[in-house]
Amino acid sequence: MVARAKMILLAHQGLANDQIADRLSTRREIVSRWRKRFFEKRLAGLEDCQRPGRPRVFPPRAGRAG
């Protein structure tokens, strides 16, 4: 979530998606996605969405390989 917030702050400073991506060592498409979500949903857009499937178990259960 910190990287997402940095993207928004850098965008607010007037940097382009390419510049933000270079500074944060990520792809322009990722920056574009988070800027769009922030524009549409404000702070709630920076949170993780629910993902399909069973939630991860942490710590891993003893006796299981993997």
PDB file of N, CA and C in Angstrom:
ATOM      1  N   MET A   1       0.822  -1.185   0.000  1.00  0.00           N
ATOM      2  CA  MET A   1       0.000   0.000   0.000  1.00  0.00           C
ATOM      3  C   MET A   1       0.871   1.256   0.000  1.00  0.00           C
ATOM      4  N   VAL A   2       2.071   1.167   0.540  1.00  0.00           N
ATOM      5  CA  VAL A   2       2.960   2.325   0.576  1.00  0.00           C
ATOM      6  C   VAL A   2       3.344   2.740  -0.837  1.00  0.00           C
ATOM      7  N   ALA A   3       3.667   1.765  -1.683  1.00  0.00           N
ATOM      8  CA  ALA A   3       4.044   2.081  -3.064  1.00  0.00           C
ATOM      9  C   ALA A   3       2.882   2.741  -3.799  1.00  0.00           C
ATOM     10  N   ARG A   4       1.666   2.288  -3.538  1.00  0.00           N
ATOM     11  CA  ARG A   4       0.488   2.874  -4.185  1.00  0.00           C
ATOM     12  C   ARG A   4       0.326   4.332  -3.772  1.00  0.00           C
ATOM     13  N   ALA A   5       0.507   4.601  -2.492  1.00  0.00           N
ATOM     14  CA  ALA A   5       0.397   5.974  -1.999  1.00  0.00           C
ATOM     15  C   ALA A   5       1.488   6.855  -2.605  1.00  0.00           C
ATOM     16  N   LYS A   6       2.695   6.309  -2.735  1.00  0.00           N
ATOM     17  CA  LYS A   6       3.783   7.070  -3.356  1.00  0.00           C
ATOM     18  C   LYS A   6       3.444   7.419  -4.798  1.00  0.00           C
ATOM     19  N   MET A   7       2.820   6.475  -5.505  1.00  0.00           N
ATOM     20  CA  MET A   7       2.419   6.738  -6.890  1.00  0.00           C
ATOM     21  C   MET A   7       1.471   7.929  -6.959  1.00  0.00           C
ATOM     22  N   ILE A   8       0.504   7.960  -6.056  1.00  0.00           N
ATOM     23  CA  ILE A   8      -0.484   9.036  -6.058  1.00  0.00           C
ATOM     24  C   ILE A   8       0.165  10.364  -5.682  1.00  0.00           C
ATOM     25  N   LEU A   9       1.057  10.343  -4.704  1.00  0.00           N
ATOM     26  CA  LEU A   9       1.735  11.577  -4.301  1.00  0.00           C
ATOM     27  C   LEU A   9       2.620  12.123  -5.419  1.00  0.00           C
ATOM     28  N   LEU A  10       3.327  11.252  -6.112  1.00  0.00           N
ATOM     29  CA  LEU A  10       4.166  11.696  -7.227  1.00  0.00           C
ATOM     30  C   LEU A  10       3.308  12.227  -8.375  1.00  0.00           C
ATOM     31  N   ALA A  11       2.164  11.599  -8.599  1.00  0.00           N
ATOM     32  CA  ALA A  11       1.250  12.086  -9.635  1.00  0.00           C
ATOM     33  C   ALA A  11       0.736  13.477  -9.271  1.00  0.00           C
ATOM     34  N   HIS A  12       0.458  13.678  -7.993  1.00  0.00           N
ATOM     35  CA  HIS A  12      -0.013  14.988  -7.532  1.00  0.00           C
ATOM     36  C   HIS A  12       1.050  16.066  -7.759  1.00  0.00           C
ATOM     37  N   GLN A  13       2.314  15.666  -7.716  1.00  0.00           N
ATOM     38  CA  GLN A  13       3.410  16.603  -7.968  1.00  0.00           C
ATOM     39  C   GLN A  13       3.584  16.897  -9.452  1.00  0.00           C
ATOM     40  N   GLY A  14       2.815  16.207 -10.298  1.00  0.00           N
ATOM     41  CA  GLY A  14       2.842  16.489 -11.724  1.00  0.00           C
ATOM     42  C   GLY A  14       3.672  15.539 -12.561  1.00  0.00           C
ATOM     43  N   LEU A  15       4.185  14.469 -11.972  1.00  0.00           N
ATOM     44  CA  LEU A  15       4.979  13.519 -12.738  1.00  0.00           C
ATOM     45  C   LEU A  15       4.086  12.656 -13.614  1.00  0.00           C
ATOM     46  N   ALA A  16       4.605  12.281 -14.767  1.00  0.00           N
ATOM     47  CA  ALA A  16       3.889  11.399 -15.691  1.00  0.00           C
ATOM     48  C   ALA A  16       4.035   9.952 -15.229  1.00  0.00           C
ATOM     49  N   ASN A  17       3.169   9.086 -15.732  1.00  0.00           N
ATOM     50  CA  ASN A  17       3.205   7.671 -15.347  1.00  0.00           C
ATOM     51  C   ASN A  17       4.570   7.041 -15.606  1.00  0.00           C
ATOM     52  N   ASP A  18       5.193   7.371 -16.738  1.00  0.00           N
ATOM     53  CA  ASP A  18       6.515   6.820 -17.055  1.00  0.00           C
ATOM     54  C   ASP A  18       7.555   7.242 -16.017  1.00  0.00           C
ATOM     55  N   GLN A  19       7.508   8.496 -15.611  1.00  0.00           N
ATOM     56  CA  GLN A  19       8.460   8.998 -14.621  1.00  0.00           C
ATOM     57  C   GLN A  19       8.241   8.329 -13.265  1.00  0.00           C
ATOM     58  N   ILE A  20       6.986   8.183 -12.882  1.00  0.00           N
ATOM     59  CA  ILE A  20       6.661   7.535 -11.607  1.00  0.00           C
ATOM     60  C   ILE A  20       7.134   6.086 -11.630  1.00  0.00           C
ATOM     61  N   ALA A  21       6.869   5.395 -12.721  1.00  0.00           N
ATOM     62  CA  ALA A  21       7.280   3.996 -12.846  1.00  0.00           C
ATOM     63  C   ALA A  21       8.797   3.866 -12.733  1.00  0.00           C
ATOM     64  N   ASP A  22       9.532   4.753 -13.369  1.00  0.00           N
ATOM     65  CA  ASP A  22      10.994   4.717 -13.281  1.00  0.00           C
ATOM     66  C   ASP A  22      11.467   4.928 -11.847  1.00  0.00           C
ATOM     67  N   ARG A  23      10.893   5.897 -11.171  1.00  0.00           N
ATOM     68  CA  ARG A  23      11.309   6.198  -9.790  1.00  0.00           C
ATOM     69  C   ARG A  23      11.016   5.059  -8.827  1.00  0.00           C
ATOM     70  N   LEU A  24       9.908   4.358  -9.060  1.00  0.00           N
ATOM     71  CA  LEU A  24       9.487   3.303  -8.134  1.00  0.00           C
ATOM     72  C   LEU A  24       9.823   1.900  -8.636  1.00  0.00           C
ATOM     73  N   SER A  25      10.570   1.826  -9.725  1.00  0.00           N
ATOM     74  CA  SER A  25      11.003   0.538 -10.294  1.00  0.00           C
ATOM     75  C   SER A  25       9.824  -0.400 -10.555  1.00  0.00           C
ATOM     76  N   THR A  26       8.853   0.116 -11.276  1.00  0.00           N
ATOM     77  CA  THR A  26       7.696  -0.690 -11.648  1.00  0.00           C
ATOM     78  C   THR A  26       7.320  -0.359 -13.088  1.00  0.00           C
ATOM     79  N   ARG A  27       6.242  -0.941 -13.570  1.00  0.00           N
ATOM     80  CA  ARG A  27       5.810  -0.699 -14.947  1.00  0.00           C
ATOM     81  C   ARG A  27       4.795   0.435 -15.008  1.00  0.00           C
ATOM     82  N   ARG A  28       4.762   1.108 -16.135  1.00  0.00           N
ATOM     83  CA  ARG A  28       3.826   2.210 -16.353  1.00  0.00           C
ATOM     84  C   ARG A  28       2.382   1.745 -16.208  1.00  0.00           C
ATOM     85  N   GLU A  29       2.087   0.524 -16.650  1.00  0.00           N
ATOM     86  CA  GLU A  29       0.722   0.002 -16.572  1.00  0.00           C
ATOM     87  C   GLU A  29       0.246  -0.127 -15.125  1.00  0.00           C
ATOM     88  N   ILE A  30       1.158  -0.477 -14.242  1.00  0.00           N
ATOM     89  CA  ILE A  30       0.812  -0.600 -12.821  1.00  0.00           C
ATOM     90  C   ILE A  30       0.470   0.776 -12.253  1.00  0.00           C
ATOM     91  N   VAL A  31       1.285   1.762 -12.582  1.00  0.00           N
ATOM     92  CA  VAL A  31       1.025   3.132 -12.121  1.00  0.00           C
ATOM     93  C   VAL A  31      -0.321   3.608 -12.651  1.00  0.00           C
ATOM     94  N   SER A  32      -0.576   3.361 -13.912  1.00  0.00           N
ATOM     95  CA  SER A  32      -1.830   3.775 -14.530  1.00  0.00           C
ATOM     96  C   SER A  32      -3.028   3.134 -13.834  1.00  0.00           C
ATOM     97  N   ARG A  33      -2.918   1.844 -13.513  1.00  0.00           N
ATOM     98  CA  ARG A  33      -4.015   1.132 -12.849  1.00  0.00           C
ATOM     99  C   ARG A  33      -4.339   1.757 -11.495  1.00  0.00           C
ATOM    100  N   TRP A  34      -3.309   2.042 -10.684  1.00  0.00           N
ATOM    101  CA  TRP A  34      -3.555   2.580  -9.350  1.00  0.00           C
ATOM    102  C   TRP A  34      -4.025   4.022  -9.396  1.00  0.00           C
ATOM    103  N   ARG A  35      -3.539   4.791 -10.354  1.00  0.00           N
ATOM    104  CA  ARG A  35      -4.034   6.165 -10.492  1.00  0.00           C
ATOM    105  C   ARG A  35      -5.508   6.164 -10.869  1.00  0.00           C
ATOM    106  N   LYS A  36      -5.886   5.264 -11.763  1.00  0.00           N
ATOM    107  CA  LYS A  36      -7.286   5.176 -12.176  1.00  0.00           C
ATOM    108  C   LYS A  36      -8.166   4.765 -11.001  1.00  0.00           C
ATOM    109  N   ARG A  37      -7.734   3.753 -10.238  1.00  0.00           N
ATOM    110  CA  ARG A  37      -8.527   3.314  -9.087  1.00  0.00           C
ATOM    111  C   ARG A  37      -8.651   4.420  -8.046  1.00  0.00           C
ATOM    112  N   PHE A  38      -7.569   5.177  -7.833  1.00  0.00           N
ATOM    113  CA  PHE A  38      -7.632   6.282  -6.878  1.00  0.00           C
ATOM    114  C   PHE A  38      -8.600   7.356  -7.371  1.00  0.00           C
ATOM    115  N   PHE A  39      -8.554   7.657  -8.663  1.00  0.00           N
ATOM    116  CA  PHE A  39      -9.448   8.657  -9.237  1.00  0.00           C
ATOM    117  C   PHE A  39     -10.912   8.251  -9.062  1.00  0.00           C
ATOM    118  N   GLU A  40     -11.197   6.964  -9.249  1.00  0.00           N
ATOM    119  CA  GLU A  40     -12.575   6.479  -9.174  1.00  0.00           C
ATOM    120  C   GLU A  40     -13.080   6.296  -7.746  1.00  0.00           C
ATOM    121  N   LYS A  41     -12.191   5.821  -6.833  1.00  0.00           N
ATOM    122  CA  LYS A  41     -12.655   5.435  -5.496  1.00  0.00           C
ATOM    123  C   LYS A  41     -11.952   6.165  -4.359  1.00  0.00           C
ATOM    124  N   ARG A  42     -11.076   7.098  -4.693  1.00  0.00           N
ATOM    125  CA  ARG A  42     -10.284   7.825  -3.691  1.00  0.00           C
ATOM    126  C   ARG A  42      -9.461   6.840  -2.851  1.00  0.00           C
ATOM    127  N   LEU A  43      -9.337   7.052  -1.545  1.00  0.00           N
ATOM    128  CA  LEU A  43      -8.466   6.204  -0.725  1.00  0.00           C
ATOM    129  C   LEU A  43      -8.882   4.736  -0.731  1.00  0.00           C
ATOM    130  N   ALA A  44     -10.162   4.475  -0.802  1.00  0.00           N
ATOM    131  CA  ALA A  44     -10.628   3.086  -0.829  1.00  0.00           C
ATOM    132  C   ALA A  44     -10.090   2.340  -2.052  1.00  0.00           C
ATOM    133  N   GLY A  45      -9.794   3.058  -3.116  1.00  0.00           N
ATOM    134  CA  GLY A  45      -9.263   2.437  -4.323  1.00  0.00           C
ATOM    135  C   GLY A  45      -7.852   1.918  -4.176  1.00  0.00           C
ATOM    136  N   LEU A  46      -7.143   2.353  -3.146  1.00  0.00           N
ATOM    137  CA  LEU A  46      -5.768   1.903  -2.940  1.00  0.00           C
ATOM    138  C   LEU A  46      -5.686   0.622  -2.116  1.00  0.00           C
ATOM    139  N   GLU A  47      -6.805   0.203  -1.554  1.00  0.00           N
ATOM    140  CA  GLU A  47      -6.817  -1.019  -0.751  1.00  0.00           C
ATOM    141  C   GLU A  47      -6.882  -2.242  -1.653  1.00  0.00           C
ATOM    142  N   ASP A  48      -6.450  -3.386  -1.113  1.00  0.00           N
ATOM    143  CA  ASP A  48      -6.527  -4.640  -1.851  1.00  0.00           C
ATOM    144  C   ASP A  48      -7.979  -5.054  -2.028  1.00  0.00           C
ATOM    145  N   CYS A  49      -8.288  -5.583  -3.187  1.00  0.00           N
ATOM    146  CA  CYS A  49      -9.606  -6.166  -3.424  1.00  0.00           C
ATOM    147  C   CYS A  49      -9.567  -7.620  -2.976  1.00  0.00           C
ATOM    148  N   GLN A  50     -10.739  -8.166  -2.675  1.00  0.00           N
ATOM    149  CA  GLN A  50     -10.784  -9.579  -2.338  1.00  0.00           C
ATOM    150  C   GLN A  50     -10.421 -10.392  -3.562  1.00  0.00           C
ATOM    151  N   ARG A  51      -9.713 -11.479  -3.321  1.00  0.00           N
ATOM    152  CA  ARG A  51      -9.302 -12.356  -4.408  1.00  0.00           C
ATOM    153  C   ARG A  51     -10.064 -13.664  -4.309  1.00  0.00           C
ATOM    154  N   PRO A  52     -10.281 -14.306  -5.441  1.00  0.00           N
ATOM    155  CA  PRO A  52     -10.995 -15.584  -5.395  1.00  0.00           C
ATOM    156  C   PRO A  52     -10.134 -16.672  -4.765  1.00  0.00           C
ATOM    157  N   GLY A  53     -10.794 -17.684  -4.262  1.00  0.00           N
ATOM    158  CA  GLY A  53     -10.070 -18.817  -3.702  1.00  0.00           C
ATOM    159  C   GLY A  53      -9.989 -18.763  -2.194  1.00  0.00           C
ATOM    160  N   ARG A  54      -9.410 -19.787  -1.664  1.00  0.00           N
ATOM    161  CA  ARG A  54      -9.271 -19.934  -0.222  1.00  0.00           C
ATOM    162  C   ARG A  54      -8.175 -19.009   0.300  1.00  0.00           C
ATOM    163  N   PRO A  55      -8.419 -18.319   1.412  1.00  0.00           N
ATOM    164  CA  PRO A  55      -7.379 -17.449   1.977  1.00  0.00           C
ATOM    165  C   PRO A  55      -6.160 -18.258   2.414  1.00  0.00           C
ATOM    166  N   ARG A  56      -4.995 -17.643   2.359  1.00  0.00           N
ATOM    167  CA  ARG A  56      -3.780 -18.307   2.801  1.00  0.00           C
ATOM    168  C   ARG A  56      -3.810 -18.525   4.304  1.00  0.00           C
ATOM    169  N   VAL A  57      -3.160 -19.591   4.733  1.00  0.00           N
ATOM    170  CA  VAL A  57      -3.038 -19.894   6.153  1.00  0.00           C
ATOM    171  C   VAL A  57      -1.623 -19.538   6.565  1.00  0.00           C
ATOM    172  N   PHE A  58      -1.506 -18.719   7.597  1.00  0.00           N
ATOM    173  CA  PHE A  58      -0.179 -18.344   8.069  1.00  0.00           C
ATOM    174  C   PHE A  58      -0.161 -18.431   9.572  1.00  0.00           C
ATOM    175  N   PRO A  59       0.806 -19.024  10.180  1.00  0.00           N
ATOM    176  CA  PRO A  59       1.939 -19.703   9.551  1.00  0.00           C
ATOM    177  C   PRO A  59       1.506 -21.036   8.956  1.00  0.00           C
ATOM    178  N   PRO A  60       2.299 -21.548   8.013  1.00  0.00           N
ATOM    179  CA  PRO A  60       1.942 -22.838   7.406  1.00  0.00           C
ATOM    180  C   PRO A  60       1.823 -23.916   8.475  1.00  0.00           C
ATOM    181  N   ARG A  61       0.920 -24.823   8.251  1.00  0.00           N
ATOM    182  CA  ARG A  61       0.709 -25.906   9.216  1.00  0.00           C
ATOM    183  C   ARG A  61       1.938 -26.806   9.283  1.00  0.00           C
ATOM    184  N   ALA A  62       2.247 -27.256  10.480  1.00  0.00           N
ATOM    185  CA  ALA A  62       3.392 -28.149  10.675  1.00  0.00           C
ATOM    186  C   ALA A  62       3.134 -29.486   9.986  1.00  0.00           C
ATOM    187  N   GLY A  63       4.180 -30.054   9.432  1.00  0.00           N
ATOM    188  CA  GLY A  63       4.066 -31.370   8.826  1.00  0.00           C
ATOM    189  C   GLY A  63       3.650 -31.369   7.374  1.00  0.00           C
ATOM    190  N   ARG A  64       3.409 -30.208   6.808  1.00  0.00           N
ATOM    191  CA  ARG A  64       3.026 -30.143   5.395  1.00  0.00           C
ATOM    192  C   ARG A  64       4.214 -29.689   4.572  1.00  0.00           C
ATOM    193  N   ALA A  65       4.406 -30.308   3.457  1.00  0.00           N
ATOM    194  CA  ALA A  65       5.489 -29.915   2.550  1.00  0.00           C
ATOM    195  C   ALA A  65       5.071 -28.666   1.803  1.00  0.00           C
ATOM    196  N   GLY A  66       6.035 -27.829   1.477  1.00  0.00           N
ATOM    197  CA  GLY A  66       5.696 -26.695   0.653  1.00  0.00           C
ATOM    198  C   GLY A  66       6.129 -25.454   1.231  1.00  0.00           C
TER     199      GLY A  66
END
